[in-house]
Amino acid sequence: MLIAIDGPAGAGKSTVARTLARELGFTYLDSGAMYRCVALAALERDRGTLPERPGALGDLAWACTIELGDAPSGVAGQVRLDGRDVGEAIRAPEVSEAASVVAGDATVRAALVAKQRELIARGDWVAEGRDIGTVVAPDAELKVFLTADPRERARRRAIELGADVETVLAEQLMRDERDSTREHSPLEAAPDAVMLDTSGLSVDEVVAQIAALARKRR
């Protein structure tokens, strides 16, 4: 069974998906970590900037070896890029910003969508991102689109990053606009997705709701 969880930054996707996978005994796929890996690789290679040559990011995405610790062969929670642990490095603010730009590149998306589909082709998965239910796995048995009040989302991200709420909110609004209006795989709910507003809900409450839906569909 495949459960696809999509939604904007700060809606709780990663925490909910990881907890849900543990609750159900499924494997967790963090697709966002893969885009962050490509962004980190690009920034390191080009000394803090993203390449401008058409197709350069896509070539890099195909060349990168990305291993997610929650995949069957990995160590839980670990993200490895070309053999090294980058779990902390990919969460840096500059990488987060670059990842949003990288995710809008059609050549990168083609490479990573192919890799994601290969991963989830077998077994039971909880996959989260921004286009899992619409592009990566439109045939997923259960699709959930998580959202939350913008200020609540910003508050969560600020706590996670140790940053100012207003600064995070401003950056979040720009990222939401970019993600929702990009030409390739824009952020949007699949027509058959279950919409779930996580404002005011605990992680356990959200997980319980999705787990109940999953058990009904198995």
C-alpha atoms as a PDB file:
ATOM      1  CA  MET A   1       0.000   0.000   0.000  1.00  0.00           C
ATOM      2  CA  LEU A   2       1.149   3.540  -0.729  1.00  0.00           C
ATOM      3  CA  ILE A   3       0.027   6.558   1.282  1.00  0.00           C
ATOM      4  CA  ALA A   4       0.843   9.895  -0.378  1.00  0.00           C
ATOM      5  CA  ILE A   5       1.051  12.944   1.881  1.00  0.00           C
ATOM      6  CA  ASP A   6       1.446  16.349   0.249  1.00  0.00           C
ATOM      7  CA  GLY A   7       1.216  19.934   1.424  1.00  0.00           C
ATOM      8  CA  PRO A   8       3.125  23.190   1.930  1.00  0.00           C
ATOM      9  CA  ALA A   9       6.073  23.784   4.271  1.00  0.00           C
ATOM     10  CA  GLY A  10       5.162  23.815   7.942  1.00  0.00           C
ATOM     11  CA  ALA A  11       1.984  21.774   7.563  1.00  0.00           C
ATOM     12  CA  GLY A  12       3.603  18.913   9.454  1.00  0.00           C
ATOM     13  CA  LYS A  13       4.198  16.526   6.532  1.00  0.00           C
ATOM     14  CA  SER A  14       7.571  15.148   7.583  1.00  0.00           C
ATOM     15  CA  THR A  15       6.765  14.566  11.240  1.00  0.00           C
ATOM     16  CA  VAL A  16       3.338  13.143  10.474  1.00  0.00           C
ATOM     17  CA  ALA A  17       4.582  10.899   7.650  1.00  0.00           C
ATOM     18  CA  ARG A  18       7.498   9.561   9.680  1.00  0.00           C
ATOM     19  CA  THR A  19       5.288   8.869  12.702  1.00  0.00           C
ATOM     20  CA  LEU A  20       2.563   7.329  10.547  1.00  0.00           C
ATOM     21  CA  ALA A  21       5.043   5.004   8.844  1.00  0.00           C
ATOM     22  CA  ARG A  22       6.268   3.835  12.232  1.00  0.00           C
ATOM     23  CA  GLU A  23       2.677   3.350  13.448  1.00  0.00           C
ATOM     24  CA  LEU A  24       1.713   1.229  10.438  1.00  0.00           C
ATOM     25  CA  GLY A  25       5.017  -0.548   9.949  1.00  0.00           C
ATOM     26  CA  PHE A  26       5.527   1.095   6.542  1.00  0.00           C
ATOM     27  CA  THR A  27       8.695   2.579   5.033  1.00  0.00           C
ATOM     28  CA  TYR A  28       8.975   6.382   4.989  1.00  0.00           C
ATOM     29  CA  LEU A  29      10.025   8.351   1.900  1.00  0.00           C
ATOM     30  CA  ASP A  30      11.022  11.994   2.377  1.00  0.00           C
ATOM     31  CA  SER A  31      11.018  13.284  -1.208  1.00  0.00           C
ATOM     32  CA  GLY A  32      11.948  16.787  -0.071  1.00  0.00           C
ATOM     33  CA  ALA A  33      15.252  15.491   1.272  1.00  0.00           C
ATOM     34  CA  MET A  34      16.123  14.365  -2.245  1.00  0.00           C
ATOM     35  CA  TYR A  35      15.626  17.873  -3.663  1.00  0.00           C
ATOM     36  CA  ARG A  36      17.623  19.291  -0.781  1.00  0.00           C
ATOM     37  CA  CYS A  37      20.453  16.897  -1.622  1.00  0.00           C
ATOM     38  CA  VAL A  38      20.583  18.133  -5.203  1.00  0.00           C
ATOM     39  CA  ALA A  39      20.509  21.735  -3.974  1.00  0.00           C
ATOM     40  CA  LEU A  40      23.363  21.061  -1.535  1.00  0.00           C
ATOM     41  CA  ALA A  41      25.417  19.334  -4.219  1.00  0.00           C
ATOM     42  CA  ALA A  42      24.899  22.282  -6.587  1.00  0.00           C
ATOM     43  CA  LEU A  43      25.792  24.895  -3.967  1.00  0.00           C
ATOM     44  CA  GLU A  44      28.935  23.017  -2.964  1.00  0.00           C
ATOM     45  CA  ARG A  45      30.046  22.468  -6.533  1.00  0.00           C
ATOM     46  CA  ASP A  46      29.486  26.057  -7.643  1.00  0.00           C
ATOM     47  CA  ARG A  47      30.609  27.786  -4.448  1.00  0.00           C
ATOM     48  CA  GLY A  48      27.259  28.901  -3.110  1.00  0.00           C
ATOM     49  CA  THR A  49      25.406  29.544  -6.366  1.00  0.00           C
ATOM     50  CA  LEU A  50      23.159  27.457  -8.589  1.00  0.00           C
ATOM     51  CA  PRO A  51      24.298  26.695 -12.160  1.00  0.00           C
ATOM     52  CA  GLU A  52      22.568  28.628 -14.920  1.00  0.00           C
ATOM     53  CA  ARG A  53      23.287  26.302 -17.847  1.00  0.00           C
ATOM     54  CA  PRO A  54      20.057  24.633 -19.014  1.00  0.00           C
ATOM     55  CA  GLY A  55      19.976  21.026 -17.907  1.00  0.00           C
ATOM     56  CA  ALA A  56      22.916  21.362 -15.517  1.00  0.00           C
ATOM     57  CA  LEU A  57      20.822  20.726 -12.421  1.00  0.00           C
ATOM     58  CA  GLY A  58      19.129  17.773 -14.063  1.00  0.00           C
ATOM     59  CA  ASP A  59      22.480  16.229 -14.981  1.00  0.00           C
ATOM     60  CA  LEU A  60      23.551  16.674 -11.366  1.00  0.00           C
ATOM     61  CA  ALA A  61      20.328  15.081 -10.081  1.00  0.00           C
ATOM     62  CA  TRP A  62      20.881  11.998 -12.234  1.00  0.00           C
ATOM     63  CA  ALA A  63      24.531  11.772 -11.145  1.00  0.00           C
ATOM     64  CA  CYS A  64      23.880  12.089  -7.404  1.00  0.00           C
ATOM     65  CA  THR A  65      23.612   8.929  -5.345  1.00  0.00           C
ATOM     66  CA  ILE A  66      20.961   9.673  -2.711  1.00  0.00           C
ATOM     67  CA  GLU A  67      20.260   7.165   0.042  1.00  0.00           C
ATOM     68  CA  LEU A  68      17.445   7.699   2.499  1.00  0.00           C
ATOM     69  CA  GLY A  69      17.910   6.000   5.840  1.00  0.00           C
ATOM     70  CA  ASP A  70      14.271   5.003   5.996  1.00  0.00           C
ATOM     71  CA  ALA A  71      14.623   2.967   2.822  1.00  0.00           C
ATOM     72  CA  PRO A  72      14.978  -0.774   3.460  1.00  0.00           C
ATOM     73  CA  SER A  73      18.791  -0.814   3.250  1.00  0.00           C
ATOM     74  CA  GLY A  74      19.458   2.312   5.308  1.00  0.00           C
ATOM     75  CA  VAL A  75      19.848   3.494   8.885  1.00  0.00           C
ATOM     76  CA  ALA A  76      16.653   5.097  10.206  1.00  0.00           C
ATOM     77  CA  GLY A  77      16.612   8.861   9.796  1.00  0.00           C
ATOM     78  CA  GLN A  78      19.864   9.119   7.859  1.00  0.00           C
ATOM     79  CA  VAL A  79      20.261  10.937   4.523  1.00  0.00           C
ATOM     80  CA  ARG A  80      23.377  10.221   2.522  1.00  0.00           C
ATOM     81  CA  LEU A  81      24.606  12.077  -0.544  1.00  0.00           C
ATOM     82  CA  ASP A  82      27.304  10.284  -2.545  1.00  0.00           C
ATOM     83  CA  GLY A  83      28.157   8.209   0.500  1.00  0.00           C
ATOM     84  CA  ARG A  84      28.264  10.899   3.207  1.00  0.00           C
ATOM     85  CA  ASP A  85      25.732  11.799   5.866  1.00  0.00           C
ATOM     86  CA  VAL A  86      24.128  15.156   5.002  1.00  0.00           C
ATOM     87  CA  GLY A  87      21.084  14.968   7.256  1.00  0.00           C
ATOM     88  CA  GLU A  88      22.031  18.170   9.057  1.00  0.00           C
ATOM     89  CA  ALA A  89      23.599  20.035   6.119  1.00  0.00           C
ATOM     90  CA  ILE A  90      20.473  19.836   3.937  1.00  0.00           C
ATOM     91  CA  ARG A  91      18.415  21.635   6.620  1.00  0.00           C
ATOM     92  CA  ALA A  92      20.488  24.824   6.456  1.00  0.00           C
ATOM     93  CA  PRO A  93      18.413  27.905   5.460  1.00  0.00           C
ATOM     94  CA  GLU A  94      20.407  28.538   2.280  1.00  0.00           C
ATOM     95  CA  VAL A  95      19.862  24.944   1.175  1.00  0.00           C
ATOM     96  CA  SER A  96      16.130  25.173   1.915  1.00  0.00           C
ATOM     97  CA  GLU A  97      15.884  28.288  -0.251  1.00  0.00           C
ATOM     98  CA  ALA A  98      17.914  26.719  -3.058  1.00  0.00           C
ATOM     99  CA  ALA A  99      15.869  23.510  -2.863  1.00  0.00           C
ATOM    100  CA  SER A 100      12.686  25.426  -3.682  1.00  0.00           C
ATOM    101  CA  VAL A 101      14.362  26.779  -6.818  1.00  0.00           C
ATOM    102  CA  VAL A 102      15.821  23.389  -7.717  1.00  0.00           C
ATOM    103  CA  ALA A 103      12.387  21.772  -7.358  1.00  0.00           C
ATOM    104  CA  GLY A 104      11.049  24.040 -10.091  1.00  0.00           C
ATOM    105  CA  ASP A 105      13.560  22.693 -12.625  1.00  0.00           C
ATOM    106  CA  ALA A 106      11.855  20.212 -14.948  1.00  0.00           C
ATOM    107  CA  THR A 107      15.050  18.245 -15.564  1.00  0.00           C
ATOM    108  CA  VAL A 108      15.595  17.764 -11.819  1.00  0.00           C
ATOM    109  CA  ARG A 109      12.015  16.677 -11.294  1.00  0.00           C
ATOM    110  CA  ALA A 110      12.273  14.143 -14.123  1.00  0.00           C
ATOM    111  CA  ALA A 111      15.359  12.607 -12.523  1.00  0.00           C
ATOM    112  CA  LEU A 112      14.057  12.507  -8.961  1.00  0.00           C
ATOM    113  CA  VAL A 113      10.527  11.407  -9.850  1.00  0.00           C
ATOM    114  CA  ALA A 114      12.067   8.430 -11.659  1.00  0.00           C
ATOM    115  CA  LYS A 115      14.175   7.600  -8.608  1.00  0.00           C
ATOM    116  CA  GLN A 116      11.197   7.990  -6.275  1.00  0.00           C
ATOM    117  CA  ARG A 117       9.001   5.724  -8.398  1.00  0.00           C
ATOM    118  CA  GLU A 118      11.712   3.092  -8.393  1.00  0.00           C
ATOM    119  CA  LEU A 119      11.872   3.215  -4.592  1.00  0.00           C
ATOM    120  CA  ILE A 120       8.138   2.919  -3.967  1.00  0.00           C
ATOM    121  CA  ALA A 121       7.455   0.276  -6.621  1.00  0.00           C
ATOM    122  CA  ARG A 122       7.459  -2.491  -4.015  1.00  0.00           C
ATOM    123  CA  GLY A 123       6.301  -2.755  -0.420  1.00  0.00           C
ATOM    124  CA  ASP A 124       4.283  -0.480   1.849  1.00  0.00           C
ATOM    125  CA  TRP A 125       5.246   3.190   1.891  1.00  0.00           C
ATOM    126  CA  VAL A 126       4.311   6.545   3.360  1.00  0.00           C
ATOM    127  CA  ALA A 127       5.694   9.076   0.879  1.00  0.00           C
ATOM    128  CA  GLU A 128       5.552  12.799   1.527  1.00  0.00           C
ATOM    129  CA  GLY A 129       6.306  15.838  -0.577  1.00  0.00           C
ATOM    130  CA  ARG A 130       4.572  18.371  -2.777  1.00  0.00           C
ATOM    131  CA  ASP A 131       3.625  16.273  -5.810  1.00  0.00           C
ATOM    132  CA  ILE A 132       3.440  12.677  -4.609  1.00  0.00           C
ATOM    133  CA  GLY A 133      -0.307  12.278  -5.139  1.00  0.00           C
ATOM    134  CA  THR A 134      -0.415  14.297  -8.354  1.00  0.00           C
ATOM    135  CA  VAL A 135       2.759  13.303 -10.214  1.00  0.00           C
ATOM    136  CA  VAL A 136       4.934  10.698  -8.517  1.00  0.00           C
ATOM    137  CA  ALA A 137       2.182   8.267  -7.539  1.00  0.00           C
ATOM    138  CA  PRO A 138      -1.230   9.338  -8.872  1.00  0.00           C
ATOM    139  CA  ASP A 139      -2.485   5.779  -8.267  1.00  0.00           C
ATOM    140  CA  ALA A 140      -1.677   5.804  -4.536  1.00  0.00           C
ATOM    141  CA  GLU A 141      -4.352   4.020  -2.504  1.00  0.00           C
ATOM    142  CA  LEU A 142      -4.637   6.945  -0.084  1.00  0.00           C
ATOM    143  CA  LYS A 143      -3.779  10.584  -0.760  1.00  0.00           C
ATOM    144  CA  VAL A 144      -3.786  13.215   1.968  1.00  0.00           C
ATOM    145  CA  PHE A 145      -3.153  16.940   1.551  1.00  0.00           C
ATOM    146  CA  LEU A 146      -2.066  18.549   4.813  1.00  0.00           C
ATOM    147  CA  THR A 147      -2.397  22.268   5.372  1.00  0.00           C
ATOM    148  CA  ALA A 148      -2.571  24.710   8.278  1.00  0.00           C
ATOM    149  CA  ASP A 149      -3.043  28.391   8.991  1.00  0.00           C
ATOM    150  CA  PRO A 150      -0.065  30.292   7.471  1.00  0.00           C
ATOM    151  CA  ARG A 151       0.981  31.853  10.775  1.00  0.00           C
ATOM    152  CA  GLU A 152       0.760  28.498  12.539  1.00  0.00           C
ATOM    153  CA  ARG A 153       2.925  26.953   9.847  1.00  0.00           C
ATOM    154  CA  ALA A 154       5.447  29.773  10.226  1.00  0.00           C
ATOM    155  CA  ARG A 155       5.463  29.351  14.011  1.00  0.00           C
ATOM    156  CA  ARG A 156       6.271  25.654  13.664  1.00  0.00           C
ATOM    157  CA  ARG A 157       9.069  26.321  11.204  1.00  0.00           C
ATOM    158  CA  ALA A 158      10.490  29.088  13.381  1.00  0.00           C
ATOM    159  CA  ILE A 159      10.684  26.731  16.354  1.00  0.00           C
ATOM    160  CA  GLU A 160      12.324  24.074  14.193  1.00  0.00           C
ATOM    161  CA  LEU A 161      14.892  26.514  12.787  1.00  0.00           C
ATOM    162  CA  GLY A 162      15.339  28.723  15.856  1.00  0.00           C
ATOM    163  CA  ALA A 163      14.374  31.714  13.736  1.00  0.00           C
ATOM    164  CA  ASP A 164      12.101  34.774  13.958  1.00  0.00           C
ATOM    165  CA  VAL A 165       8.451  34.001  13.184  1.00  0.00           C
ATOM    166  CA  GLU A 166       7.898  37.108  11.033  1.00  0.00           C
ATOM    167  CA  THR A 167      10.998  36.387   8.963  1.00  0.00           C
ATOM    168  CA  VAL A 168       9.925  32.779   8.449  1.00  0.00           C
ATOM    169  CA  LEU A 169       6.394  33.883   7.541  1.00  0.00           C
ATOM    170  CA  ALA A 170       7.675  36.295   4.863  1.00  0.00           C
ATOM    171  CA  GLU A 171       9.948  33.640   3.364  1.00  0.00           C
ATOM    172  CA  GLN A 172       7.146  31.075   3.564  1.00  0.00           C
ATOM    173  CA  LEU A 173       4.738  33.275   1.611  1.00  0.00           C
ATOM    174  CA  MET A 174       7.300  33.687  -1.170  1.00  0.00           C
ATOM    175  CA  ARG A 175       8.005  29.965  -1.241  1.00  0.00           C
ATOM    176  CA  ASP A 176       4.293  29.096  -1.302  1.00  0.00           C
ATOM    177  CA  GLU A 177       3.811  31.419  -4.250  1.00  0.00           C
ATOM    178  CA  ARG A 178       6.762  29.937  -6.111  1.00  0.00           C
ATOM    179  CA  ASP A 179       5.728  26.340  -5.394  1.00  0.00           C
ATOM    180  CA  SER A 180       2.090  26.913  -6.345  1.00  0.00           C
ATOM    181  CA  THR A 181       2.769  28.764  -9.607  1.00  0.00           C
ATOM    182  CA  ARG A 182       5.763  26.881 -10.997  1.00  0.00           C
ATOM    183  CA  GLU A 183       5.252  25.433 -14.463  1.00  0.00           C
ATOM    184  CA  HIS A 184       6.263  21.883 -13.617  1.00  0.00           C
ATOM    185  CA  SER A 185       4.485  19.912 -10.874  1.00  0.00           C
ATOM    186  CA  PRO A 186       2.996  22.870  -8.983  1.00  0.00           C
ATOM    187  CA  LEU A 187       1.939  22.395  -5.381  1.00  0.00           C
ATOM    188  CA  GLU A 188      -1.719  21.387  -5.474  1.00  0.00           C
ATOM    189  CA  ALA A 189      -4.005  18.781  -3.978  1.00  0.00           C
ATOM    190  CA  ALA A 190      -4.922  15.757  -6.072  1.00  0.00           C
ATOM    191  CA  PRO A 191      -8.644  15.733  -6.959  1.00  0.00           C
ATOM    192  CA  ASP A 192      -9.201  12.650  -4.807  1.00  0.00           C
ATOM    193  CA  ALA A 193      -7.002  13.723  -1.881  1.00  0.00           C
ATOM    194  CA  VAL A 194      -8.380  13.953   1.646  1.00  0.00           C
ATOM    195  CA  MET A 195      -7.900  17.549   2.834  1.00  0.00           C
ATOM    196  CA  LEU A 196      -6.735  17.797   6.444  1.00  0.00           C
ATOM    197  CA  ASP A 197      -6.142  21.082   8.273  1.00  0.00           C
ATOM    198  CA  THR A 198      -3.626  20.434  11.041  1.00  0.00           C
ATOM    199  CA  SER A 199      -4.097  23.801  12.801  1.00  0.00           C
ATOM    200  CA  GLY A 200      -4.629  23.126  16.484  1.00  0.00           C
ATOM    201  CA  LEU A 201      -4.073  19.388  16.125  1.00  0.00           C
ATOM    202  CA  SER A 202      -1.245  17.409  17.687  1.00  0.00           C
ATOM    203  CA  VAL A 203       0.920  15.096  15.606  1.00  0.00           C
ATOM    204  CA  ASP A 204      -0.701  12.095  17.287  1.00  0.00           C
ATOM    205  CA  GLU A 205      -4.185  13.361  16.413  1.00  0.00           C
ATOM    206  CA  VAL A 206      -3.274  13.846  12.751  1.00  0.00           C
ATOM    207  CA  VAL A 207      -1.572  10.454  12.584  1.00  0.00           C
ATOM    208  CA  ALA A 208      -4.590   8.767  14.163  1.00  0.00           C
ATOM    209  CA  GLN A 209      -6.918  10.250  11.546  1.00  0.00           C
ATOM    210  CA  ILE A 210      -4.755   9.167   8.613  1.00  0.00           C
ATOM    211  CA  ALA A 211      -4.095   5.728  10.098  1.00  0.00           C
ATOM    212  CA  ALA A 212      -7.841   5.174  10.443  1.00  0.00           C
ATOM    213  CA  LEU A 213      -8.334   6.081   6.774  1.00  0.00           C
ATOM    214  CA  ALA A 214      -5.508   3.755   5.746  1.00  0.00           C
ATOM    215  CA  ARG A 215      -6.896   0.814   7.677  1.00  0.00           C
ATOM    216  CA  LYS A 216     -10.280   1.258   6.008  1.00  0.00           C
ATOM    217  CA  ARG A 217      -8.675   1.115   2.547  1.00  0.00           C
ATOM    218  CA  ARG A 218      -6.364  -1.868   3.038  1.00  0.00           C
END
